[in-house]
Amino acid sequence: MNSEKKRNLILNGDMYKVIITLSWPIMINNLIQTLYNLADGVWVSKLGSVQFAATSFVWPVNFLFISLGIGLSIAGTSILSQLIGAAKYEEANKYASQLMVVSLICSVCFSLLGYLISPLVIKLMGGTGDLGKYSNIYLKITFLDMPFMFLFFNFNSIMNSQGNTLLPTVLSGISAILNVVLDPLFIFTFNMGVAGAAIATLIAKALLALAGIVILKRSSAIIKPSFKNFKFDKYIIKKIVKVGLPSSIGQSGSALGFIVLNGFIASYGTATIAAFGMVNRITSLIMQPAMGIGAALTSIVGQNLGSDQVDRVKEAFSKSMKLTITFSILGCILLLWQDKAIINFFIQSRDDGEVIAQGINYLKYISYSMPLMGIFSVLQGIFQGSGHTKYSMAMEIGRLWFVRLPMILIFKYFTQVGPSGIWFSMSFSNLIICIYGFLIYRKDNWQSNIIK
């Protein structure tokens, strides 16, 4: 289905068909990436629980830096989809070109800065001994793939805004398979340990970004960025920043919150960090349908708002919510039914009995909040697709800084519940923030068109 047919489907087609058509490639894409992360975790866990804990420990730091790229990508999808819905194709091309150049400049600067300050950041986070050593090795290498990651974010937003969610999935699948093949080669054959896992990821992401650039040059899609006689456009950059900055702040605020959260978790020991990292990978796998639907909503909402079809946006929200809650409840049942078998499968080292026990405990707590996590994804899709990213920012930051972290602090210093206080706080924070998001949705402030 070409881009024009996708546009017609999004603007006029049966809404369930629209949601499923756009979301299933995103689900598969997310599933592939999650399976890669799980495979990567399994390979690293064979080195030992400290090496595995290191990869989870540094994730929020890396995410803090790429949050700007995610914000720009969200801005791109939102603005470009609304321009396509309004049939302003030439303007969409200009926005896409500006977006890619700004992203590349930012990513190179952040990559260099992150590489240089990695040791200091890990020290400030409390990473010492072997945990600090392996965290520093892994983090410095992962910073080098940032320019490639930002470029693929651009490719992804340009394709998604047109309703083409399949092509990014195909490329991501090829990259993930390559990554899984390279992991054991670099980790064990070349005897590079945790550094090998990071290098394998770097190579796979570089090839992924290059493939995306080639496709953008040769495709016959609606949007074709052009850099001939390129000049910065202050108005366009201002609009991108206006939509993208709140998303970036929300993502970076979330990442900072997870850095603080990791500090709390680290105080309970390496086993708790490892359990936290592994269960998050498992729940990410189960949440793929909800995340796919939420991501698909961004372009559905954008194009329909661009063509002034608010009723279809509300219909998309209602039907997405029904699908998401159904999938999430099924995932919750599966995790509670097979909790021990699932944890034992993904923790490969038989010497880590404490990691397994804590993992099972965390899995039970987080399983009950699966439907809430699905609702969170749908609300984010609505606010990001409409371009009113200040609401998605409030949800991201509020969930961690105003609910989760204060609760964890209370449990840590005023009771003796141990790591269970962390697991309960994470689940309860999802409930509070979903109530907030639904109240914002009911106010209808998100309906105004950002391209007018």
Protein backbone atom coordinates (compact mmCIF):
# COMPACT_ATOMS: atom_id res chain seq x y z
CA MET A 1 0.00 0.00 0.00
CA ASN A 2 1.56 3.31 -1.14
CA SER A 3 1.59 6.52 0.91
CA GLU A 4 -1.48 8.05 -0.77
CA LYS A 5 -3.53 4.92 -0.11
CA LYS A 6 -2.34 4.88 3.50
CA ARG A 7 -3.40 8.51 3.85
CA ASN A 8 -6.85 7.70 2.49
CA LEU A 9 -7.16 4.74 4.87
CA ILE A 10 -6.15 6.83 7.88
CA LEU A 11 -8.56 9.64 6.99
CA ASN A 12 -11.53 7.58 5.78
CA GLY A 13 -11.11 3.87 6.58
CA ASP A 14 -12.61 1.65 9.28
CA MET A 15 -10.86 2.70 12.49
CA TYR A 16 -10.12 -0.78 13.81
CA LYS A 17 -8.53 -1.59 10.45
CA VAL A 18 -6.51 1.63 10.57
CA ILE A 19 -5.22 0.94 14.09
CA ILE A 20 -4.31 -2.67 13.35
CA THR A 21 -2.75 -1.88 9.95
CA LEU A 22 -0.47 0.78 11.40
CA SER A 23 0.23 -0.80 14.77
CA TRP A 24 1.13 -4.40 13.89
CA PRO A 25 4.42 -3.49 12.15
CA ILE A 26 5.31 -1.29 15.15
CA MET A 27 4.45 -4.16 17.50
CA ILE A 28 6.71 -6.49 15.52
CA ASN A 29 9.42 -3.84 15.43
CA ASN A 30 9.22 -3.35 19.20
CA LEU A 31 9.06 -7.11 19.70
CA ILE A 32 12.18 -7.58 17.62
CA GLN A 33 14.01 -4.91 19.59
CA THR A 34 12.85 -6.37 22.90
CA LEU A 35 13.85 -9.87 21.86
CA TYR A 36 17.23 -8.48 20.90
CA ASN A 37 17.53 -6.82 24.32
CA LEU A 38 16.55 -10.08 25.97
CA ALA A 39 19.05 -12.02 23.86
CA ASP A 40 21.70 -9.43 24.62
CA GLY A 41 20.85 -9.74 28.31
CA VAL A 42 21.03 -13.53 28.17
CA TRP A 43 24.48 -13.45 26.52
CA VAL A 44 25.78 -10.89 29.02
CA SER A 45 24.24 -12.77 31.97
CA LYS A 46 26.43 -15.74 31.04
CA LEU A 47 29.42 -13.56 31.98
CA GLY A 48 27.97 -13.03 35.47
CA SER A 49 25.35 -11.04 37.38
CA VAL A 50 27.69 -8.03 37.81
CA GLN A 51 28.18 -7.66 34.05
CA PHE A 52 24.46 -7.99 33.47
CA ALA A 53 23.68 -5.49 36.23
CA ALA A 54 26.11 -3.03 34.59
CA THR A 55 24.12 -2.98 31.32
CA SER A 56 20.92 -2.18 33.25
CA PHE A 57 22.67 0.31 35.54
CA VAL A 58 23.85 2.59 32.71
CA TRP A 59 20.69 2.48 30.60
CA PRO A 60 19.08 5.62 32.12
CA VAL A 61 22.26 7.63 31.48
CA ASN A 62 22.31 6.73 27.81
CA PHE A 63 18.57 7.34 27.59
CA LEU A 64 19.02 10.80 29.12
CA PHE A 65 21.17 11.81 26.15
CA ILE A 66 19.01 10.24 23.44
CA SER A 67 15.87 11.83 24.92
CA LEU A 68 16.41 14.85 22.69
CA GLY A 69 16.46 12.57 19.66
CA ILE A 70 13.23 10.95 20.80
CA GLY A 71 11.69 14.38 21.32
CA LEU A 72 12.69 15.46 17.82
CA SER A 73 11.31 12.22 16.41
CA ILE A 74 7.97 12.74 18.17
CA ALA A 75 7.87 16.33 16.91
CA GLY A 76 8.63 15.12 13.40
CA THR A 77 5.88 12.51 13.37
CA SER A 78 3.33 14.91 14.85
CA ILE A 79 4.06 17.88 12.58
CA LEU A 80 4.64 15.88 9.40
CA SER A 81 1.49 13.78 9.85
CA GLN A 82 -0.63 16.91 10.35
CA LEU A 83 0.89 18.50 7.23
CA ILE A 84 0.15 15.32 5.26
CA GLY A 85 -3.42 15.27 6.58
CA ALA A 86 -3.76 18.86 5.34
CA ALA A 87 -2.12 17.89 1.99
CA LYS A 88 0.75 20.38 2.50
CA TYR A 89 3.41 18.13 0.98
CA GLU A 90 6.00 20.75 -0.03
CA GLU A 91 5.98 22.19 3.48
CA ALA A 92 6.37 18.69 4.90
CA ASN A 93 9.53 18.18 2.82
CA LYS A 94 11.05 21.38 4.23
CA TYR A 95 10.29 20.30 7.80
CA ALA A 96 11.84 16.86 7.22
CA SER A 97 15.09 18.36 5.88
CA GLN A 98 15.45 20.78 8.79
CA LEU A 99 14.67 18.00 11.26
CA MET A 100 17.43 15.72 9.97
CA VAL A 101 20.15 18.38 10.04
CA VAL A 102 19.26 19.57 13.55
CA SER A 103 19.18 15.96 14.79
CA LEU A 104 22.58 15.13 13.33
CA ILE A 105 24.28 18.16 14.87
CA CYS A 106 22.79 17.48 18.30
CA SER A 107 23.66 13.77 18.21
CA VAL A 108 27.32 14.32 17.38
CA CYS A 109 27.68 16.85 20.21
CA PHE A 110 25.97 14.56 22.72
CA SER A 111 27.96 11.55 21.63
CA LEU A 112 31.27 13.29 22.28
CA LEU A 113 30.11 14.80 25.58
CA GLY A 114 28.72 11.51 26.84
CA TYR A 115 31.88 9.60 25.98
CA LEU A 116 34.02 12.08 27.92
CA ILE A 117 31.93 12.31 31.08
CA SER A 118 30.99 8.60 31.41
CA PRO A 119 33.43 7.83 34.29
CA LEU A 120 32.28 10.86 36.28
CA VAL A 121 28.59 10.06 35.81
CA ILE A 122 28.99 6.45 36.91
CA LYS A 123 30.92 7.57 39.99
CA LEU A 124 28.18 10.06 40.90
CA MET A 125 25.58 7.30 40.50
CA GLY A 126 27.40 5.19 43.06
CA GLY A 127 28.85 2.66 40.63
CA THR A 128 31.98 1.30 42.31
CA GLY A 129 34.16 -1.79 42.10
CA ASP A 130 33.36 -4.24 39.31
CA LEU A 131 29.95 -2.65 38.72
CA GLY A 132 31.59 0.72 38.05
CA LYS A 133 34.28 -0.85 35.87
CA TYR A 134 31.92 -2.73 33.57
CA SER A 135 29.39 0.11 33.51
CA ASN A 136 32.04 2.54 32.28
CA ILE A 137 33.19 0.17 29.51
CA TYR A 138 29.66 -0.45 28.29
CA LEU A 139 28.44 3.15 28.50
CA LYS A 140 31.36 4.76 26.66
CA ILE A 141 30.91 2.50 23.65
CA THR A 142 27.13 2.89 23.52
CA PHE A 143 27.53 6.67 23.32
CA LEU A 144 29.32 6.26 20.00
CA ASP A 145 26.20 4.91 18.27
CA MET A 146 24.14 8.03 19.08
CA PRO A 147 24.45 9.77 15.65
CA PHE A 148 23.28 6.60 13.91
CA MET A 149 20.41 6.23 16.36
CA PHE A 150 19.25 9.83 15.81
CA LEU A 151 19.33 9.40 12.04
CA PHE A 152 17.19 6.31 12.25
CA PHE A 153 14.78 8.17 14.56
CA ASN A 154 14.38 10.70 11.73
CA PHE A 155 13.80 7.97 9.16
CA ASN A 156 11.27 6.37 11.48
CA SER A 157 9.32 9.58 12.07
CA ILE A 158 9.24 10.42 8.34
CA MET A 159 7.93 6.97 7.46
CA ASN A 160 5.46 6.75 10.36
CA SER A 161 3.97 10.17 9.59
CA GLN A 162 2.95 8.78 6.19
CA GLY A 163 1.49 5.64 7.74
CA ASN A 164 4.39 3.51 6.48
CA THR A 165 5.17 1.56 9.64
CA LEU A 166 6.26 -1.60 7.80
CA LEU A 167 9.54 -0.45 6.24
CA PRO A 168 11.15 0.68 9.54
CA THR A 169 10.14 -2.70 10.97
CA VAL A 170 11.88 -4.62 8.19
CA LEU A 171 15.08 -2.62 8.65
CA SER A 172 14.98 -2.95 12.44
CA GLY A 173 14.44 -6.69 12.11
CA ILE A 174 17.49 -7.09 9.90
CA SER A 175 19.55 -4.96 12.29
CA ALA A 176 18.39 -6.93 15.34
CA ILE A 177 19.21 -10.27 13.71
CA LEU A 178 22.65 -8.96 12.81
CA ASN A 179 23.07 -7.81 16.41
CA VAL A 180 22.15 -11.21 17.83
CA VAL A 181 24.64 -12.88 15.49
CA LEU A 182 27.42 -10.44 16.37
CA ASP A 183 26.87 -10.58 20.15
CA PRO A 184 28.38 -14.01 20.89
CA LEU A 185 31.09 -13.38 18.30
CA PHE A 186 32.36 -10.22 20.01
CA ILE A 187 31.55 -11.27 23.60
CA PHE A 188 33.03 -14.77 23.57
CA THR A 189 34.91 -15.53 20.33
CA PHE A 190 36.88 -12.26 20.43
CA ASN A 191 36.85 -12.44 24.24
CA MET A 192 35.74 -8.80 24.61
CA GLY A 193 33.16 -9.44 27.34
CA VAL A 194 30.66 -6.68 28.04
CA ALA A 195 32.46 -4.37 25.57
CA GLY A 196 31.69 -6.89 22.82
CA ALA A 197 27.94 -6.51 23.40
CA ALA A 198 28.22 -2.72 23.00
CA ILE A 199 30.37 -2.98 19.85
CA ALA A 200 27.92 -5.41 18.24
CA THR A 201 25.13 -2.90 18.86
CA LEU A 202 27.20 -0.05 17.43
CA ILE A 203 27.86 -1.90 14.16
CA ALA A 204 24.22 -2.96 13.75
CA LYS A 205 22.88 0.57 14.37
CA ALA A 206 25.37 2.13 11.97
CA LEU A 207 24.25 -0.16 9.15
CA LEU A 208 20.60 0.49 10.05
CA ALA A 209 21.00 4.27 9.78
CA LEU A 210 22.85 4.05 6.47
CA ALA A 211 20.11 1.84 5.02
CA GLY A 212 17.47 4.36 6.12
CA ILE A 213 19.30 7.24 4.42
CA VAL A 214 19.58 5.29 1.16
CA ILE A 215 15.86 4.49 1.21
CA LEU A 216 14.90 8.12 1.84
CA LYS A 217 16.95 9.16 -1.20
CA ARG A 218 15.50 6.55 -3.54
CA SER A 219 11.90 6.12 -2.32
CA SER A 220 8.82 7.52 -4.06
CA ALA A 221 7.07 8.43 -0.80
CA ILE A 222 5.20 11.68 -0.15
CA ILE A 223 8.08 13.12 1.89
CA LYS A 224 11.55 13.30 0.32
CA PRO A 225 14.04 15.44 2.29
CA SER A 226 16.39 17.53 0.15
CA PHE A 227 19.65 19.13 1.25
CA LYS A 228 20.51 20.95 -1.97
CA ASN A 229 21.18 24.61 -1.18
CA PHE A 230 20.15 23.90 2.40
CA LYS A 231 19.63 26.85 4.74
CA PHE A 232 18.39 26.85 8.31
CA ASP A 233 14.79 28.05 8.60
CA LYS A 234 14.21 29.78 11.94
CA TYR A 235 10.43 29.45 11.79
CA ILE A 236 10.52 25.70 11.11
CA ILE A 237 13.19 25.06 13.74
CA LYS A 238 11.17 27.08 16.26
CA LYS A 239 8.08 24.96 15.53
CA ILE A 240 10.07 21.72 15.83
CA VAL A 241 11.55 22.88 19.14
CA LYS A 242 8.13 23.97 20.42
CA VAL A 243 6.68 20.50 19.87
CA GLY A 244 9.84 18.49 20.48
CA LEU A 245 11.21 20.24 23.58
CA PRO A 246 8.44 19.15 25.98
CA SER A 247 8.84 15.57 24.77
CA SER A 248 12.58 15.80 25.25
CA ILE A 249 12.14 17.26 28.73
CA GLY A 250 9.65 14.54 29.56
CA GLN A 251 11.95 11.81 28.29
CA SER A 252 15.04 13.29 29.95
CA GLY A 253 13.14 13.90 33.18
CA SER A 254 12.10 10.27 33.08
CA ALA A 255 15.69 9.20 32.44
CA LEU A 256 16.96 11.32 35.34
CA GLY A 257 14.29 9.78 37.51
CA PHE A 258 15.48 6.32 36.55
CA ILE A 259 19.05 7.32 37.38
CA VAL A 260 17.90 8.28 40.88
CA LEU A 261 15.79 5.12 41.01
CA ASN A 262 18.83 3.06 40.07
CA GLY A 263 20.67 4.66 42.96
CA PHE A 264 17.96 3.49 45.35
CA ILE A 265 17.96 0.02 43.81
CA ALA A 266 21.77 -0.20 43.95
CA SER A 267 21.60 0.37 47.70
CA TYR A 268 19.81 -2.99 48.01
CA GLY A 269 22.62 -4.82 46.18
CA THR A 270 23.57 -6.21 42.78
CA ALA A 271 20.89 -8.92 42.89
CA THR A 272 18.13 -6.30 43.08
CA ILE A 273 19.59 -4.36 40.14
CA ALA A 274 19.82 -7.52 38.05
CA ALA A 275 16.23 -8.54 38.92
CA PHE A 276 14.99 -5.05 38.05
CA GLY A 277 16.74 -5.10 34.67
CA MET A 278 15.58 -8.57 33.70
CA VAL A 279 11.92 -8.12 34.68
CA ASN A 280 11.77 -4.80 32.82
CA ARG A 281 12.93 -6.62 29.70
CA ILE A 282 10.26 -9.28 30.19
CA THR A 283 7.43 -6.81 30.78
CA SER A 284 8.57 -4.81 27.73
CA LEU A 285 8.02 -7.94 25.69
CA ILE A 286 4.46 -8.35 26.99
CA MET A 287 3.69 -4.64 26.48
CA GLN A 288 4.48 -4.61 22.76
CA PRO A 289 0.83 -4.58 21.56
CA ALA A 290 -0.01 -1.61 23.80
CA MET A 291 3.14 0.26 22.84
CA GLY A 292 2.51 -0.42 19.15
CA ILE A 293 -1.03 0.92 19.35
CA GLY A 294 0.14 4.00 21.24
CA ALA A 295 2.84 4.71 18.64
CA ALA A 296 0.41 4.16 15.74
CA LEU A 297 -1.97 6.68 17.29
CA THR A 298 0.59 9.44 16.76
CA SER A 299 0.20 9.42 12.97
CA ILE A 300 -3.54 8.57 13.11
CA VAL A 301 -4.22 11.53 15.40
CA GLY A 302 -1.89 13.83 13.47
CA GLN A 303 -3.36 13.21 10.02
CA ASN A 304 -6.96 13.39 11.19
CA LEU A 305 -6.37 16.59 13.17
CA GLY A 306 -4.61 18.01 10.11
CA SER A 307 -7.78 17.39 8.09
CA ASP A 308 -10.02 18.70 10.93
CA GLN A 309 -11.62 15.34 11.73
CA VAL A 310 -11.70 15.49 15.53
CA ASP A 311 -14.49 12.92 15.78
CA ARG A 312 -12.27 10.31 14.12
CA VAL A 313 -9.50 11.11 16.60
CA LYS A 314 -11.86 10.44 19.51
CA GLU A 315 -13.00 7.23 17.82
CA ALA A 316 -9.35 6.18 17.47
CA PHE A 317 -8.77 6.84 21.17
CA SER A 318 -11.80 4.81 22.27
CA LYS A 319 -11.04 1.80 20.08
CA SER A 320 -7.32 1.89 20.88
CA MET A 321 -8.15 1.84 24.57
CA LYS A 322 -10.36 -1.23 24.17
CA LEU A 323 -7.69 -3.13 22.23
CA THR A 324 -4.91 -2.13 24.60
CA ILE A 325 -6.71 -3.10 27.80
CA THR A 326 -7.62 -6.49 26.32
CA PHE A 327 -4.03 -7.27 25.31
CA SER A 328 -2.67 -6.04 28.66
CA ILE A 329 -5.02 -8.21 30.72
CA LEU A 330 -4.01 -11.27 28.70
CA GLY A 331 -0.33 -10.42 29.35
CA CYS A 332 -1.01 -10.00 33.06
CA ILE A 333 -2.63 -13.43 33.25
CA LEU A 334 0.31 -15.04 31.43
CA LEU A 335 2.93 -13.51 33.72
CA LEU A 336 1.11 -14.46 36.90
CA TRP A 337 0.48 -17.98 35.66
CA GLN A 338 4.04 -18.74 34.56
CA ASP A 339 6.08 -16.35 36.71
CA LYS A 340 8.67 -18.84 37.97
CA ALA A 341 9.16 -20.51 34.57
CA ILE A 342 9.63 -17.14 32.85
CA ILE A 343 12.21 -15.85 35.34
CA ASN A 344 14.13 -19.14 35.34
CA PHE A 345 14.28 -19.07 31.54
CA PHE A 346 15.84 -15.61 31.35
CA ILE A 347 18.24 -15.89 34.29
CA GLN A 348 20.77 -18.32 32.86
CA SER A 349 23.26 -18.43 35.71
CA ARG A 350 22.14 -21.09 38.22
CA ASP A 351 24.25 -19.50 40.95
CA ASP A 352 22.01 -16.42 41.14
CA GLY A 353 19.24 -17.74 43.41
CA GLU A 354 18.66 -14.35 45.01
CA VAL A 355 18.25 -12.68 41.60
CA ILE A 356 15.64 -15.28 40.66
CA ALA A 357 13.73 -14.85 43.95
CA GLN A 358 13.66 -11.05 43.67
CA GLY A 359 12.76 -11.25 39.99
CA ILE A 360 9.72 -13.41 40.75
CA ASN A 361 8.63 -10.97 43.47
CA TYR A 362 8.97 -7.92 41.19
CA LEU A 363 7.18 -9.70 38.35
CA LYS A 364 4.14 -10.35 40.55
CA TYR A 365 3.86 -6.70 41.55
CA ILE A 366 4.30 -5.23 38.07
CA SER A 367 1.97 -7.73 36.38
CA TYR A 368 -1.07 -6.20 38.08
CA SER A 369 -0.32 -2.80 36.56
CA MET A 370 -0.08 -4.10 32.97
CA PRO A 371 -3.47 -2.62 31.92
CA LEU A 372 -2.43 0.72 33.42
CA MET A 373 0.81 0.69 31.42
CA GLY A 374 -1.27 0.08 28.29
CA ILE A 375 -3.57 3.01 29.07
CA PHE A 376 -0.47 5.17 29.63
CA SER A 377 0.76 4.31 26.10
CA VAL A 378 -2.58 5.26 24.51
CA LEU A 379 -2.73 8.59 26.35
CA GLN A 380 0.83 9.37 25.26
CA GLY A 381 -0.12 8.59 21.65
CA ILE A 382 -3.04 11.04 21.77
CA PHE A 383 -1.05 13.92 23.26
CA GLN A 384 2.04 13.38 21.09
CA GLY A 385 0.05 12.97 17.88
CA SER A 386 -1.86 16.19 18.50
CA GLY A 387 1.44 18.01 19.09
CA HIS A 388 0.45 18.98 22.64
CA THR A 389 3.49 17.29 24.09
CA LYS A 390 3.36 19.33 27.30
CA TYR A 391 0.76 16.84 28.54
CA SER A 392 2.87 13.80 27.68
CA MET A 393 5.80 15.57 29.38
CA ALA A 394 3.74 16.06 32.54
CA MET A 395 2.82 12.38 32.56
CA GLU A 396 6.42 11.23 32.09
CA ILE A 397 7.87 13.49 34.77
CA GLY A 398 4.95 13.29 37.18
CA ARG A 399 4.91 9.50 37.25
CA LEU A 400 8.51 9.33 38.46
CA TRP A 401 9.28 12.53 40.33
CA PHE A 402 5.97 13.26 42.04
CA VAL A 403 4.70 9.76 42.75
CA ARG A 404 7.18 6.90 42.35
CA LEU A 405 10.39 8.31 43.83
CA PRO A 406 8.76 9.94 46.89
CA MET A 407 6.97 6.68 47.66
CA ILE A 408 10.18 4.67 47.32
CA LEU A 409 11.95 7.12 49.64
CA ILE A 410 9.20 6.72 52.24
CA PHE A 411 9.32 2.93 52.02
CA LYS A 412 13.12 2.96 52.27
CA TYR A 413 13.51 5.13 55.32
CA PHE A 414 10.29 4.70 57.28
CA THR A 415 9.51 0.98 56.89
CA GLN A 416 11.40 -2.28 56.57
CA VAL A 417 9.68 -3.73 53.51
CA GLY A 418 12.93 -4.00 51.47
CA PRO A 419 12.84 -4.07 47.64
CA SER A 420 9.09 -4.79 47.70
CA GLY A 421 8.57 -1.10 48.45
CA ILE A 422 10.15 -0.27 45.10
CA TRP A 423 7.99 -2.75 43.21
CA PHE A 424 4.76 -1.52 44.83
CA SER A 425 5.64 2.14 44.19
CA MET A 426 6.24 1.47 40.50
CA SER A 427 2.82 -0.16 40.08
CA PHE A 428 0.91 2.44 42.12
CA SER A 429 2.51 5.37 40.24
CA ASN A 430 1.06 4.00 36.99
CA LEU A 431 -2.45 4.20 38.47
CA ILE A 432 -2.09 7.80 39.64
CA ILE A 433 -0.67 9.10 36.37
CA CYS A 434 -3.30 7.35 34.22
CA ILE A 435 -6.04 9.07 36.23
CA TYR A 436 -4.30 12.40 35.59
CA GLY A 437 -3.93 11.68 31.84
CA PHE A 438 -7.59 10.73 31.45
CA LEU A 439 -8.71 13.94 33.18
CA ILE A 440 -6.56 15.97 30.76
CA TYR A 441 -8.05 14.08 27.80
CA ARG A 442 -11.59 14.90 28.99
CA LYS A 443 -10.81 18.64 28.99
CA ASP A 444 -10.36 18.62 25.16
CA ASN A 445 -7.50 21.18 25.25
CA TRP A 446 -5.38 18.85 23.09
CA GLN A 447 -7.69 19.23 20.05
CA SER A 448 -6.27 22.46 18.61
CA ASN A 449 -4.25 22.09 15.39
CA ILE A 450 -0.58 23.01 15.83
CA ILE A 451 0.14 23.70 12.12
CA LYS A 452 -2.34 26.56 11.80
